[in-house]
C-alpha atoms as a PDB file:
ATOM      1  CA  MET A   1      74.939  35.947  55.004  1.00  0.00           C
ATOM      2  CA  THR A   2      78.212  34.106  55.338  1.00  0.00           C
ATOM      3  CA  ALA A   3      78.970  31.711  58.166  1.00  0.00           C
ATOM      4  CA  ARG A   4      81.674  34.078  59.326  1.00  0.00           C
ATOM      5  CA  MET A   5      79.086  36.842  59.767  1.00  0.00           C
ATOM      6  CA  THR A   6      76.527  34.701  61.582  1.00  0.00           C
ATOM      7  CA  VAL A   7      76.495  32.712  64.823  1.00  0.00           C
ATOM      8  CA  ALA A   8      75.929  29.211  63.464  1.00  0.00           C
ATOM      9  CA  GLY A   9      72.753  27.687  64.862  1.00  0.00           C
ATOM     10  CA  ALA A  10      72.089  30.732  67.052  1.00  0.00           C
ATOM     11  CA  ARG A  11      69.265  30.519  69.578  1.00  0.00           C
ATOM     12  CA  MET A  12      69.081  32.973  72.430  1.00  0.00           C
ATOM     13  CA  PRO A  13      67.727  31.127  75.475  1.00  0.00           C
ATOM     14  CA  ALA A  14      65.055  32.733  77.599  1.00  0.00           C
ATOM     15  CA  GLU A  15      66.281  33.791  81.004  1.00  0.00           C
ATOM     16  CA  TRP A  16      64.199  31.111  82.757  1.00  0.00           C
ATOM     17  CA  GLU A  17      66.075  28.341  80.952  1.00  0.00           C
ATOM     18  CA  PRO A  18      68.843  26.578  82.936  1.00  0.00           C
ATOM     19  CA  HIS A  19      71.943  28.557  83.859  1.00  0.00           C
ATOM     20  CA  ARG A  20      75.468  27.424  84.477  1.00  0.00           C
ATOM     21  CA  ALA A  21      76.267  30.677  86.265  1.00  0.00           C
ATOM     22  CA  THR A  22      75.426  34.330  86.817  1.00  0.00           C
ATOM     23  CA  TRP A  23      78.135  36.957  86.252  1.00  0.00           C
ATOM     24  CA  LEU A  24      78.487  40.071  88.425  1.00  0.00           C
ATOM     25  CA  ALA A  25      81.103  42.695  89.351  1.00  0.00           C
ATOM     26  CA  TRP A  26      82.158  44.159  92.699  1.00  0.00           C
ATOM     27  CA  PRO A  27      81.723  47.971  93.105  1.00  0.00           C
ATOM     28  CA  HIS A  28      84.940  49.947  93.495  1.00  0.00           C
ATOM     29  CA  ASP A  29      84.308  53.559  92.440  1.00  0.00           C
ATOM     30  CA  GLU A  30      83.395  55.371  95.662  1.00  0.00           C
ATOM     31  CA  GLU A  31      83.610  58.760  93.963  1.00  0.00           C
ATOM     32  CA  PHE A  32      80.876  57.801  91.474  1.00  0.00           C
ATOM     33  CA  TRP A  33      78.575  56.129  93.999  1.00  0.00           C
ATOM     34  CA  GLY A  34      79.015  58.775  96.680  1.00  0.00           C
ATOM     35  CA  GLU A  35      76.921  58.340  99.824  1.00  0.00           C
ATOM     36  CA  ALA A  36      75.199  55.267  98.344  1.00  0.00           C
ATOM     37  CA  PHE A  37      78.474  53.323  98.028  1.00  0.00           C
ATOM     38  CA  GLU A  38      78.389  51.191 101.178  1.00  0.00           C
ATOM     39  CA  ALA A  39      74.641  50.657 101.112  1.00  0.00           C
ATOM     40  CA  ALA A  40      74.800  49.625  97.451  1.00  0.00           C
ATOM     41  CA  LYS A  41      77.453  47.039  98.297  1.00  0.00           C
ATOM     42  CA  SER A  42      75.234  45.703 101.082  1.00  0.00           C
ATOM     43  CA  GLU A  43      72.336  45.348  98.625  1.00  0.00           C
ATOM     44  CA  LEU A  44      74.657  43.543  96.222  1.00  0.00           C
ATOM     45  CA  VAL A  45      75.658  41.129  98.982  1.00  0.00           C
ATOM     46  CA  GLY A  46      71.992  40.390  99.636  1.00  0.00           C
ATOM     47  CA  LEU A  47      71.427  39.780  95.938  1.00  0.00           C
ATOM     48  CA  CYS A  48      74.423  37.443  95.706  1.00  0.00           C
ATOM     49  CA  ARG A  49      73.215  35.373  98.636  1.00  0.00           C
ATOM     50  CA  ALA A  50      69.826  34.991  96.946  1.00  0.00           C
ATOM     51  CA  LEU A  51      71.331  34.159  93.551  1.00  0.00           C
ATOM     52  CA  ALA A  52      73.748  31.608  95.003  1.00  0.00           C
ATOM     53  CA  GLU A  53      70.848  29.404  96.073  1.00  0.00           C
ATOM     54  CA  GLY A  54      70.333  28.494  92.424  1.00  0.00           C
ATOM     55  CA  ASP A  55      73.288  29.615  90.316  1.00  0.00           C
ATOM     56  CA  ALA A  56      77.063  29.454  90.448  1.00  0.00           C
ATOM     57  CA  LEU A  57      78.478  32.976  90.804  1.00  0.00           C
ATOM     58  CA  GLU A  58      81.299  34.457  88.730  1.00  0.00           C
ATOM     59  CA  MET A  59      82.451  37.895  89.887  1.00  0.00           C
ATOM     60  CA  LEU A  60      84.752  40.494  88.388  1.00  0.00           C
ATOM     61  CA  VAL A  61      87.024  42.390  90.792  1.00  0.00           C
ATOM     62  CA  ARG A  62      89.403  45.170  89.865  1.00  0.00           C
ATOM     63  CA  ASP A  63      92.344  44.044  91.974  1.00  0.00           C
ATOM     64  CA  ARG A  64      93.473  42.057  95.006  1.00  0.00           C
ATOM     65  CA  ASP A  65      91.916  44.562  97.420  1.00  0.00           C
ATOM     66  CA  GLY A  66      88.565  44.190  95.684  1.00  0.00           C
ATOM     67  CA  ARG A  67      88.843  40.416  95.803  1.00  0.00           C
ATOM     68  CA  GLU A  68      89.625  40.459  99.514  1.00  0.00           C
ATOM     69  CA  GLU A  69      86.750  42.803 100.340  1.00  0.00           C
ATOM     70  CA  ALA A  70      84.235  40.894  98.226  1.00  0.00           C
ATOM     71  CA  SER A  71      85.396  37.575  99.662  1.00  0.00           C
ATOM     72  CA  ARG A  72      85.014  38.911 103.188  1.00  0.00           C
ATOM     73  CA  ARG A  73      81.590  40.427 102.599  1.00  0.00           C
ATOM     74  CA  LEU A  74      80.400  37.286 100.812  1.00  0.00           C
ATOM     75  CA  GLU A  75      81.640  34.837 103.442  1.00  0.00           C
ATOM     76  CA  GLY A  76      79.817  31.541 103.085  1.00  0.00           C
ATOM     77  CA  VAL A  77      78.872  32.180  99.441  1.00  0.00           C
ATOM     78  CA  SER A  78      80.661  30.177  96.757  1.00  0.00           C
ATOM     79  CA  VAL A  79      82.075  32.677  94.261  1.00  0.00           C
ATOM     80  CA  ARG A  80      84.765  32.419  91.603  1.00  0.00           C
ATOM     81  CA  PHE A  81      86.634  35.713  91.213  1.00  0.00           C
ATOM     82  CA  HIS A  82      88.234  37.162  88.072  1.00  0.00           C
ATOM     83  CA  GLU A  83      90.640  40.108  88.200  1.00  0.00           C
ATOM     84  CA  ILE A  84      89.523  42.058  85.131  1.00  0.00           C
ATOM     85  CA  ALA A  85      89.708  45.817  84.630  1.00  0.00           C
ATOM     86  CA  PHE A  86      86.284  47.486  84.430  1.00  0.00           C
ATOM     87  CA  ASP A  87      84.736  50.870  85.144  1.00  0.00           C
ATOM     88  CA  ASP A  88      81.401  49.990  86.743  1.00  0.00           C
ATOM     89  CA  ILE A  89      79.233  47.023  87.626  1.00  0.00           C
ATOM     90  CA  TRP A  90      76.588  46.975  84.866  1.00  0.00           C
ATOM     91  CA  MET A  91      77.330  43.486  83.591  1.00  0.00           C
ATOM     92  CA  ARG A  92      74.103  43.253  81.590  1.00  0.00           C
ATOM     93  CA  ASP A  93      75.554  45.891  79.291  1.00  0.00           C
ATOM     94  CA  ILE A  94      79.302  45.253  79.271  1.00  0.00           C
ATOM     95  CA  ALA A  95      79.622  41.457  79.484  1.00  0.00           C
ATOM     96  CA  PRO A  96      79.024  39.295  76.427  1.00  0.00           C
ATOM     97  CA  VAL A  97      75.490  38.042  75.879  1.00  0.00           C
ATOM     98  CA  PHE A  98      75.751  34.246  75.927  1.00  0.00           C
ATOM     99  CA  VAL A  99      73.860  32.601  73.069  1.00  0.00           C
ATOM    100  CA  ARG A 100      73.471  28.927  72.216  1.00  0.00           C
ATOM    101  CA  SER A 101      75.243  27.970  69.004  1.00  0.00           C
ATOM    102  CA  ASN A 102      76.109  24.781  67.168  1.00  0.00           C
ATOM    103  CA  GLY A 103      78.183  22.721  69.567  1.00  0.00           C
ATOM    104  CA  GLY A 104      78.150  25.072  72.535  1.00  0.00           C
ATOM    105  CA  LEU A 105      77.909  28.716  73.539  1.00  0.00           C
ATOM    106  CA  THR A 106      79.078  31.887  71.862  1.00  0.00           C
ATOM    107  CA  GLY A 107      79.615  35.205  73.602  1.00  0.00           C
ATOM    108  CA  VAL A 108      78.049  38.023  71.590  1.00  0.00           C
ATOM    109  CA  ARG A 109      79.856  41.333  71.951  1.00  0.00           C
ATOM    110  CA  LEU A 110      77.769  44.431  71.372  1.00  0.00           C
ATOM    111  CA  ARG A 111      79.748  47.631  70.923  1.00  0.00           C
ATOM    112  CA  PHE A 112      79.634  49.799  74.048  1.00  0.00           C
ATOM    113  CA  ASN A 113      80.044  53.578  74.079  1.00  0.00           C
ATOM    114  CA  GLY A 114      78.941  54.532  77.586  1.00  0.00           C
ATOM    115  CA  TRP A 115      75.195  54.528  76.857  1.00  0.00           C
ATOM    116  CA  GLY A 116      75.423  56.874  73.935  1.00  0.00           C
ATOM    117  CA  GLY A 117      78.534  58.753  75.007  1.00  0.00           C
ATOM    118  CA  LYS A 118      77.244  59.818  78.420  1.00  0.00           C
ATOM    119  CA  TRP A 119      80.301  58.359  80.203  1.00  0.00           C
ATOM    120  CA  GLU A 120      83.790  57.480  78.988  1.00  0.00           C
ATOM    121  CA  HIS A 121      83.907  53.870  80.120  1.00  0.00           C
ATOM    122  CA  THR A 122      86.897  52.717  78.112  1.00  0.00           C
ATOM    123  CA  ARG A 123      87.615  49.768  80.411  1.00  0.00           C
ATOM    124  CA  ASP A 124      84.010  48.597  80.168  1.00  0.00           C
ATOM    125  CA  SER A 125      84.190  48.510  76.385  1.00  0.00           C
ATOM    126  CA  ALA A 126      86.943  45.885  76.687  1.00  0.00           C
ATOM    127  CA  VAL A 127      85.208  43.635  79.248  1.00  0.00           C
ATOM    128  CA  ALA A 128      83.265  41.356  76.877  1.00  0.00           C
ATOM    129  CA  PRO A 129      86.248  39.590  75.247  1.00  0.00           C
ATOM    130  CA  LYS A 130      87.908  39.081  78.636  1.00  0.00           C
ATOM    131  CA  VAL A 131      84.774  37.535  80.133  1.00  0.00           C
ATOM    132  CA  ALA A 132      84.321  35.329  77.051  1.00  0.00           C
ATOM    133  CA  ARG A 133      87.913  34.156  77.448  1.00  0.00           C
ATOM    134  CA  ALA A 134      87.348  33.434  81.148  1.00  0.00           C
ATOM    135  CA  ALA A 135      84.172  31.509  80.294  1.00  0.00           C
ATOM    136  CA  GLY A 136      85.978  29.571  77.553  1.00  0.00           C
ATOM    137  CA  VAL A 137      83.628  30.571  74.729  1.00  0.00           C
ATOM    138  CA  PRO A 138      84.291  32.140  71.302  1.00  0.00           C
ATOM    139  CA  LEU A 139      83.349  35.762  70.713  1.00  0.00           C
ATOM    140  CA  PHE A 140      81.097  37.083  67.948  1.00  0.00           C
ATOM    141  CA  GLU A 141      81.297  40.818  67.208  1.00  0.00           C
ATOM    142  CA  VAL A 142      78.156  42.777  66.318  1.00  0.00           C
ATOM    143  CA  PRO A 143      78.847  46.132  64.599  1.00  0.00           C
ATOM    144  CA  LEU A 144      76.117  47.954  66.538  1.00  0.00           C
ATOM    145  CA  PHE A 145      76.356  50.161  69.607  1.00  0.00           C
ATOM    146  CA  LEU A 146      73.844  48.557  71.921  1.00  0.00           C
ATOM    147  CA  GLU A 147      73.615  47.003  75.374  1.00  0.00           C
ATOM    148  CA  GLY A 148      72.304  43.732  76.753  1.00  0.00           C
ATOM    149  CA  GLY A 149      69.702  45.601  78.795  1.00  0.00           C
ATOM    150  CA  ALA A 150      68.172  46.822  75.538  1.00  0.00           C
ATOM    151  CA  LEU A 151      67.215  43.287  74.440  1.00  0.00           C
ATOM    152  CA  GLU A 152      64.673  40.835  75.864  1.00  0.00           C
ATOM    153  CA  PHE A 153      64.187  37.331  74.446  1.00  0.00           C
ATOM    154  CA  ASP A 154      61.483  34.654  74.705  1.00  0.00           C
ATOM    155  CA  GLY A 155      63.727  31.683  73.801  1.00  0.00           C
ATOM    156  CA  GLU A 156      61.701  31.023  70.641  1.00  0.00           C
ATOM    157  CA  GLY A 157      63.048  33.707  68.341  1.00  0.00           C
ATOM    158  CA  THR A 158      61.149  36.796  69.535  1.00  0.00           C
ATOM    159  CA  CYS A 159      62.913  39.907  70.819  1.00  0.00           C
ATOM    160  CA  LEU A 160      61.622  43.035  72.545  1.00  0.00           C
ATOM    161  CA  THR A 161      63.539  46.299  72.207  1.00  0.00           C
ATOM    162  CA  THR A 162      63.027  50.080  71.933  1.00  0.00           C
ATOM    163  CA  ARG A 163      63.551  52.560  69.130  1.00  0.00           C
ATOM    164  CA  SER A 164      64.699  55.240  71.576  1.00  0.00           C
ATOM    165  CA  CYS A 165      67.750  53.123  72.405  1.00  0.00           C
ATOM    166  CA  ALA A 166      68.625  50.943  69.411  1.00  0.00           C
ATOM    167  CA  LEU A 167      67.922  53.634  66.799  1.00  0.00           C
ATOM    168  CA  ASN A 168      69.257  56.570  68.802  1.00  0.00           C
ATOM    169  CA  VAL A 169      71.686  58.816  66.916  1.00  0.00           C
ATOM    170  CA  ASN A 170      74.027  58.568  69.910  1.00  0.00           C
ATOM    171  CA  ARG A 171      74.487  54.866  69.144  1.00  0.00           C
ATOM    172  CA  ASN A 172      73.582  53.935  65.601  1.00  0.00           C
ATOM    173  CA  PRO A 173      73.096  57.035  63.427  1.00  0.00           C
ATOM    174  CA  GLY A 174      71.584  56.290  60.054  1.00  0.00           C
ATOM    175  CA  ARG A 175      70.426  52.802  61.026  1.00  0.00           C
ATOM    176  CA  VAL A 176      66.837  51.715  60.484  1.00  0.00           C
ATOM    177  CA  GLU A 177      64.803  48.931  62.079  1.00  0.00           C
ATOM    178  CA  SER A 178      65.696  46.411  59.389  1.00  0.00           C
ATOM    179  CA  ASP A 179      69.441  46.948  60.068  1.00  0.00           C
ATOM    180  CA  ILE A 180      68.986  46.132  63.750  1.00  0.00           C
ATOM    181  CA  GLU A 181      66.728  43.171  62.997  1.00  0.00           C
ATOM    182  CA  GLU A 182      69.259  41.697  60.568  1.00  0.00           C
ATOM    183  CA  TRP A 183      71.966  41.632  63.230  1.00  0.00           C
ATOM    184  CA  LEU A 184      69.600  40.323  65.895  1.00  0.00           C
ATOM    185  CA  ASP A 185      68.919  37.420  63.552  1.00  0.00           C
ATOM    186  CA  ARG A 186      72.610  36.843  62.804  1.00  0.00           C
ATOM    187  CA  ALA A 187      73.716  36.974  66.418  1.00  0.00           C
ATOM    188  CA  PHE A 188      70.736  35.613  68.367  1.00  0.00           C
ATOM    189  CA  GLY A 189      68.505  33.782  65.902  1.00  0.00           C
ATOM    190  CA  VAL A 190      65.727  36.382  66.258  1.00  0.00           C
ATOM    191  CA  ARG A 191      62.904  35.944  63.766  1.00  0.00           C
ATOM    192  CA  LYS A 192      60.557  38.644  65.069  1.00  0.00           C
ATOM    193  CA  THR A 193      61.355  41.932  66.821  1.00  0.00           C
ATOM    194  CA  ILE A 194      58.632  43.785  68.693  1.00  0.00           C
ATOM    195  CA  TRP A 195      59.479  47.481  68.882  1.00  0.00           C
ATOM    196  CA  LEU A 196      58.437  49.747  71.732  1.00  0.00           C
ATOM    197  CA  ASP A 197      58.886  53.406  71.003  1.00  0.00           C
ATOM    198  CA  ARG A 198      60.509  54.823  74.143  1.00  0.00           C
ATOM    199  CA  GLY A 199      61.394  54.415  77.787  1.00  0.00           C
ATOM    200  CA  PHE A 200      61.378  56.660  80.847  1.00  0.00           C
ATOM    201  CA  ASP A 201      62.533  60.257  80.515  1.00  0.00           C
ATOM    202  CA  CYS A 202      64.793  59.865  83.571  1.00  0.00           C
ATOM    203  CA  ASP A 203      66.533  56.729  82.241  1.00  0.00           C
ATOM    204  CA  HIS A 204      70.088  57.483  81.098  1.00  0.00           C
ATOM    205  CA  THR A 205      70.050  54.310  78.974  1.00  0.00           C
ATOM    206  CA  ASP A 206      67.545  55.975  76.608  1.00  0.00           C
ATOM    207  CA  GLY A 207      64.981  53.259  77.254  1.00  0.00           C
ATOM    208  CA  HIS A 208      66.360  49.832  78.109  1.00  0.00           C
ATOM    209  CA  ILE A 209      63.680  47.196  77.698  1.00  0.00           C
ATOM    210  CA  ASP A 210      64.533  45.519  81.020  1.00  0.00           C
ATOM    211  CA  ASN A 211      62.924  48.498  82.767  1.00  0.00           C
ATOM    212  CA  LEU A 212      59.786  48.318  80.634  1.00  0.00           C
ATOM    213  CA  ALA A 213      58.589  44.805  79.734  1.00  0.00           C
ATOM    214  CA  ARG A 214      59.816  41.228  80.142  1.00  0.00           C
ATOM    215  CA  PHE A 215      58.861  37.839  78.792  1.00  0.00           C
ATOM    216  CA  VAL A 216      57.763  35.413  81.508  1.00  0.00           C
ATOM    217  CA  ALA A 217      56.946  32.632  79.005  1.00  0.00           C
ATOM    218  CA  PRO A 218      56.687  32.378  75.227  1.00  0.00           C
ATOM    219  CA  GLY A 219      53.714  34.512  74.272  1.00  0.00           C
ATOM    220  CA  ARG A 220      53.415  36.055  77.757  1.00  0.00           C
ATOM    221  CA  VAL A 221      54.802  39.435  78.823  1.00  0.00           C
ATOM    222  CA  VAL A 222      54.754  41.355  82.095  1.00  0.00           C
ATOM    223  CA  CYS A 223      54.699  45.159  82.075  1.00  0.00           C
ATOM    224  CA  MET A 224      53.668  47.956  84.421  1.00  0.00           C
ATOM    225  CA  THR A 225      50.638  50.200  84.774  1.00  0.00           C
ATOM    226  CA  PRO A 226      50.810  53.704  86.266  1.00  0.00           C
ATOM    227  CA  ALA A 227      50.825  53.811  90.060  1.00  0.00           C
ATOM    228  CA  GLY A 228      48.346  56.676  89.955  1.00  0.00           C
ATOM    229  CA  ARG A 229      47.568  59.959  88.268  1.00  0.00           C
ATOM    230  CA  ASN A 230      50.843  61.445  89.470  1.00  0.00           C
ATOM    231  CA  ASP A 231      53.044  58.630  88.163  1.00  0.00           C
ATOM    232  CA  PRO A 232      55.825  60.459  86.259  1.00  0.00           C
ATOM    233  CA  ASN A 233      55.901  57.684  83.640  1.00  0.00           C
ATOM    234  CA  ALA A 234      52.153  57.297  83.192  1.00  0.00           C
ATOM    235  CA  ASP A 235      52.086  58.224  79.491  1.00  0.00           C
ATOM    236  CA  VAL A 236      54.984  55.910  78.630  1.00  0.00           C
ATOM    237  CA  LEU A 237      53.523  52.981  80.571  1.00  0.00           C
ATOM    238  CA  GLU A 238      50.114  53.335  78.912  1.00  0.00           C
ATOM    239  CA  GLU A 239      51.763  53.552  75.491  1.00  0.00           C
ATOM    240  CA  ILE A 240      53.792  50.394  76.169  1.00  0.00           C
ATOM    241  CA  GLN A 241      50.738  48.454  77.253  1.00  0.00           C
ATOM    242  CA  GLY A 242      48.878  49.517  74.109  1.00  0.00           C
ATOM    243  CA  THR A 243      51.737  48.474  71.826  1.00  0.00           C
ATOM    244  CA  LEU A 244      52.097  45.070  73.469  1.00  0.00           C
ATOM    245  CA  ALA A 245      48.353  44.448  73.454  1.00  0.00           C
ATOM    246  CA  SER A 246      48.334  44.644  69.647  1.00  0.00           C
ATOM    247  CA  ALA A 247      51.617  42.777  69.041  1.00  0.00           C
ATOM    248  CA  ARG A 248      52.221  39.194  67.958  1.00  0.00           C
ATOM    249  CA  ASP A 249      55.302  37.127  68.637  1.00  0.00           C
ATOM    250  CA  GLY A 250      57.506  35.190  66.228  1.00  0.00           C
ATOM    251  CA  ARG A 251      55.006  32.321  66.103  1.00  0.00           C
ATOM    252  CA  GLY A 252      52.077  34.592  65.356  1.00  0.00           C
ATOM    253  CA  ARG A 253      50.589  34.475  68.847  1.00  0.00           C
ATOM    254  CA  PRO A 254      49.013  37.564  70.408  1.00  0.00           C
ATOM    255  CA  LEU A 255      50.738  38.428  73.649  1.00  0.00           C
ATOM    256  CA  ASP A 256      49.126  37.575  76.966  1.00  0.00           C
ATOM    257  CA  LEU A 257      49.801  40.602  79.186  1.00  0.00           C
ATOM    258  CA  VAL A 258      50.382  40.472  82.931  1.00  0.00           C
ATOM    259  CA  THR A 259      50.468  43.864  84.631  1.00  0.00           C
ATOM    260  CA  VAL A 260      51.826  45.153  87.907  1.00  0.00           C
ATOM    261  CA  PRO A 261      51.584  48.725  89.217  1.00  0.00           C
ATOM    262  CA  SER A 262      54.771  50.724  88.831  1.00  0.00           C
ATOM    263  CA  PRO A 263      56.675  51.976  91.887  1.00  0.00           C
ATOM    264  CA  GLY A 264      55.577  55.499  91.019  1.00  0.00           C
ATOM    265  CA  GLU A 265      57.936  58.365  91.717  1.00  0.00           C
ATOM    266  CA  VAL A 266      61.207  57.326  93.383  1.00  0.00           C
ATOM    267  CA  THR A 267      63.829  60.045  93.858  1.00  0.00           C
ATOM    268  CA  ASP A 268      67.439  60.353  94.952  1.00  0.00           C
ATOM    269  CA  PRO A 269      68.411  62.362  98.078  1.00  0.00           C
ATOM    270  CA  GLU A 270      68.459  65.550  95.977  1.00  0.00           C
ATOM    271  CA  GLY A 271      64.903  64.913  94.798  1.00  0.00           C
ATOM    272  CA  GLU A 272      65.856  63.914  91.263  1.00  0.00           C
ATOM    273  CA  PRO A 273      63.689  61.147  89.711  1.00  0.00           C
ATOM    274  CA  LEU A 274      65.188  57.688  89.315  1.00  0.00           C
ATOM    275  CA  SER A 275      64.273  54.975  86.807  1.00  0.00           C
ATOM    276  CA  ALA A 276      62.754  52.616  89.386  1.00  0.00           C
ATOM    277  CA  SER A 277      61.111  49.546  87.861  1.00  0.00           C
ATOM    278  CA  TYR A 278      59.931  46.159  89.052  1.00  0.00           C
ATOM    279  CA  MET A 279      60.737  44.825  85.578  1.00  0.00           C
ATOM    280  CA  ASN A 280      64.423  44.847  86.516  1.00  0.00           C
ATOM    281  CA  TYR A 281      64.138  41.485  88.290  1.00  0.00           C
ATOM    282  CA  CYS A 282      66.546  38.615  87.610  1.00  0.00           C
ATOM    283  CA  VAL A 283      65.877  34.895  87.287  1.00  0.00           C
ATOM    284  CA  THR A 284      68.056  32.013  88.506  1.00  0.00           C
ATOM    285  CA  ASN A 285      67.603  28.260  88.307  1.00  0.00           C
ATOM    286  CA  THR A 286      65.522  28.288  91.480  1.00  0.00           C
ATOM    287  CA  SER A 287      64.584  31.891  92.280  1.00  0.00           C
ATOM    288  CA  VAL A 288      63.321  35.212  90.981  1.00  0.00           C
ATOM    289  CA  VAL A 289      64.709  38.292  92.734  1.00  0.00           C
ATOM    290  CA  VAL A 290      62.595  41.432  92.382  1.00  0.00           C
ATOM    291  CA  PRO A 291      63.939  44.901  93.235  1.00  0.00           C
ATOM    292  CA  THR A 292      61.952  46.856  95.812  1.00  0.00           C
ATOM    293  CA  PHE A 293      62.141  50.535  96.665  1.00  0.00           C
ATOM    294  CA  GLY A 294      60.358  51.014  99.987  1.00  0.00           C
ATOM    295  CA  VAL A 295      57.086  52.111  98.357  1.00  0.00           C
ATOM    296  CA  ALA A 296      53.473  50.989  98.601  1.00  0.00           C
ATOM    297  CA  ASN A 297      53.400  48.774  95.512  1.00  0.00           C
ATOM    298  CA  ASP A 298      56.434  46.643  96.419  1.00  0.00           C
ATOM    299  CA  ALA A 299      54.489  43.701  97.867  1.00  0.00           C
ATOM    300  CA  LYS A 300      51.912  43.568  95.070  1.00  0.00           C
ATOM    301  CA  ALA A 301      54.639  43.631  92.441  1.00  0.00           C
ATOM    302  CA  VAL A 302      56.540  40.767  94.065  1.00  0.00           C
ATOM    303  CA  ASP A 303      53.368  38.695  94.429  1.00  0.00           C
ATOM    304  CA  THR A 304      52.310  39.242  90.815  1.00  0.00           C
ATOM    305  CA  ILE A 305      55.730  38.399  89.406  1.00  0.00           C
ATOM    306  CA  ALA A 306      55.785  35.302  91.663  1.00  0.00           C
ATOM    307  CA  SER A 307      52.565  34.123  90.014  1.00  0.00           C
ATOM    308  CA  CYS A 308      54.391  34.154  86.665  1.00  0.00           C
ATOM    309  CA  PHE A 309      57.090  31.767  87.923  1.00  0.00           C
ATOM    310  CA  PRO A 310      55.222  29.138  89.987  1.00  0.00           C
ATOM    311  CA  THR A 311      58.119  26.664  90.164  1.00  0.00           C
ATOM    312  CA  ARG A 312      60.550  29.217  91.630  1.00  0.00           C
ATOM    313  CA  ARG A 313      60.853  31.066  94.912  1.00  0.00           C
ATOM    314  CA  THR A 314      60.259  34.774  94.333  1.00  0.00           C
ATOM    315  CA  ILE A 315      61.661  37.284  96.789  1.00  0.00           C
ATOM    316  CA  GLY A 316      61.807  41.051  96.958  1.00  0.00           C
ATOM    317  CA  LEU A 317      65.026  42.739  98.008  1.00  0.00           C
ATOM    318  CA  SER A 318      65.864  46.400  98.430  1.00  0.00           C
ATOM    319  CA  ALA A 319      67.594  47.936  95.411  1.00  0.00           C
ATOM    320  CA  LYS A 320      67.131  51.650  96.121  1.00  0.00           C
ATOM    321  CA  TYR A 321      70.844  52.291  96.688  1.00  0.00           C
ATOM    322  CA  ILE A 322      71.945  50.323  93.634  1.00  0.00           C
ATOM    323  CA  LEU A 323      69.303  52.310  91.748  1.00  0.00           C
ATOM    324  CA  ALA A 324      71.084  55.503  92.818  1.00  0.00           C
ATOM    325  CA  GLY A 325      73.919  54.353  90.550  1.00  0.00           C
ATOM    326  CA  GLY A 326      71.619  54.120  87.557  1.00  0.00           C
ATOM    327  CA  GLY A 327      70.141  50.600  87.457  1.00  0.00           C
ATOM    328  CA  SER A 328      68.970  47.593  89.409  1.00  0.00           C
ATOM    329  CA  PHE A 329      69.340  43.816  89.747  1.00  0.00           C
ATOM    330  CA  HIS A 330      68.932  42.801  86.113  1.00  0.00           C
ATOM    331  CA  CYS A 331      71.337  45.569  85.070  1.00  0.00           C
ATOM    332  CA  ILE A 332      74.153  44.193  87.242  1.00  0.00           C
ATOM    333  CA  THR A 333      73.811  40.528  86.273  1.00  0.00           C
ATOM    334  CA  GLN A 334      74.402  38.466  83.131  1.00  0.00           C
ATOM    335  CA  GLN A 335      73.367  34.821  82.941  1.00  0.00           C
ATOM    336  CA  GLU A 336      75.446  32.116  81.296  1.00  0.00           C
ATOM    337  CA  PRO A 337      73.191  29.309  80.018  1.00  0.00           C
ATOM    338  CA  LEU A 338      73.725  25.656  80.819  1.00  0.00           C
ATOM    339  CA  LEU A 339      74.282  23.505  77.768  1.00  0.00           C
ATOM    340  CA  ASP A 340      73.536  19.941  78.754  1.00  0.00           C
ATOM    341  CA  SER A 341      69.829  20.038  79.535  1.00  0.00           C
ATOM    342  CA  GLY A 342      66.582  21.124  77.968  1.00  0.00           C
ATOM    343  CA  VAL A 343      64.262  24.016  78.633  1.00  0.00           C
ATOM    344  CA  ARG A 344      63.266  24.304  82.269  1.00  0.00           C
ATOM    345  CA  GLU A 345      59.629  24.394  83.228  1.00  0.00           C
ATOM    346  CA  ARG A 346      58.542  27.799  84.493  1.00  0.00           C
END
């Protein structure tokens, strides 16, 4: 490997390490969101107010009208706006992934093709370099079609991902696991990748890991168990738990598993299943915000995730209208690490 093809000194921080900011985008496409548009914006406002208690907020807006609306709706919240062209708000997938590197941060740009060609998001594919420029960090290009939501890191060189996404022919035809692992090492300093096989059938991302399993500490992972016999994702959830139970991280440790019940079946107004998951929470310097869906397991999920982050305030907020657009809280956020302090206690 040459220095030019590797992020020098790369270490991908865990999400619970200190942040300088969280990046988001303001919804603008009413035609796409349909009847959920206004309610989704209200849920985003609630999320921003929760995030702002611990993190600085950086928000993309399409134009002056978007800036004025977002500023009005977020009155009292400190936000820095950036007028940058984008298609939709899924910043986890379209913004750069910020990695620690020798002397600072580097923004890692993963190639984006609308989640395997499902949507023509040409503006979104150009967001990462513009955000890196706004953040004042250099950009490192990875020649893989992949999204930030497909990767989960423990801060110590271990990554979780799925074959159904990273090795899908709609993204990286002809690639094998070792190809992906090589670039995860070059870009993020990953020494060990734990592969899950697949995600939910109803997930248009083809199985993003941030709907399936998350690190809550080095060597400790939270995942979901079926909500009952009729859980539409029961087989997948049981398979995930089995894979993680036999896995070891980059330091050779077996994984300590924490489980929460899944939300079960959550549908859109037409009765179509949605990829609802409590794993799509996001972490700030002081809080953990867990998506809820108005179902029986909401409270138990929030309480269990709270037990994994004892030094933070954990809250549940409705995300069922944002979910109608295809994702949840983690999907619409991207953290920018803080450089001048060490690893924060959980």
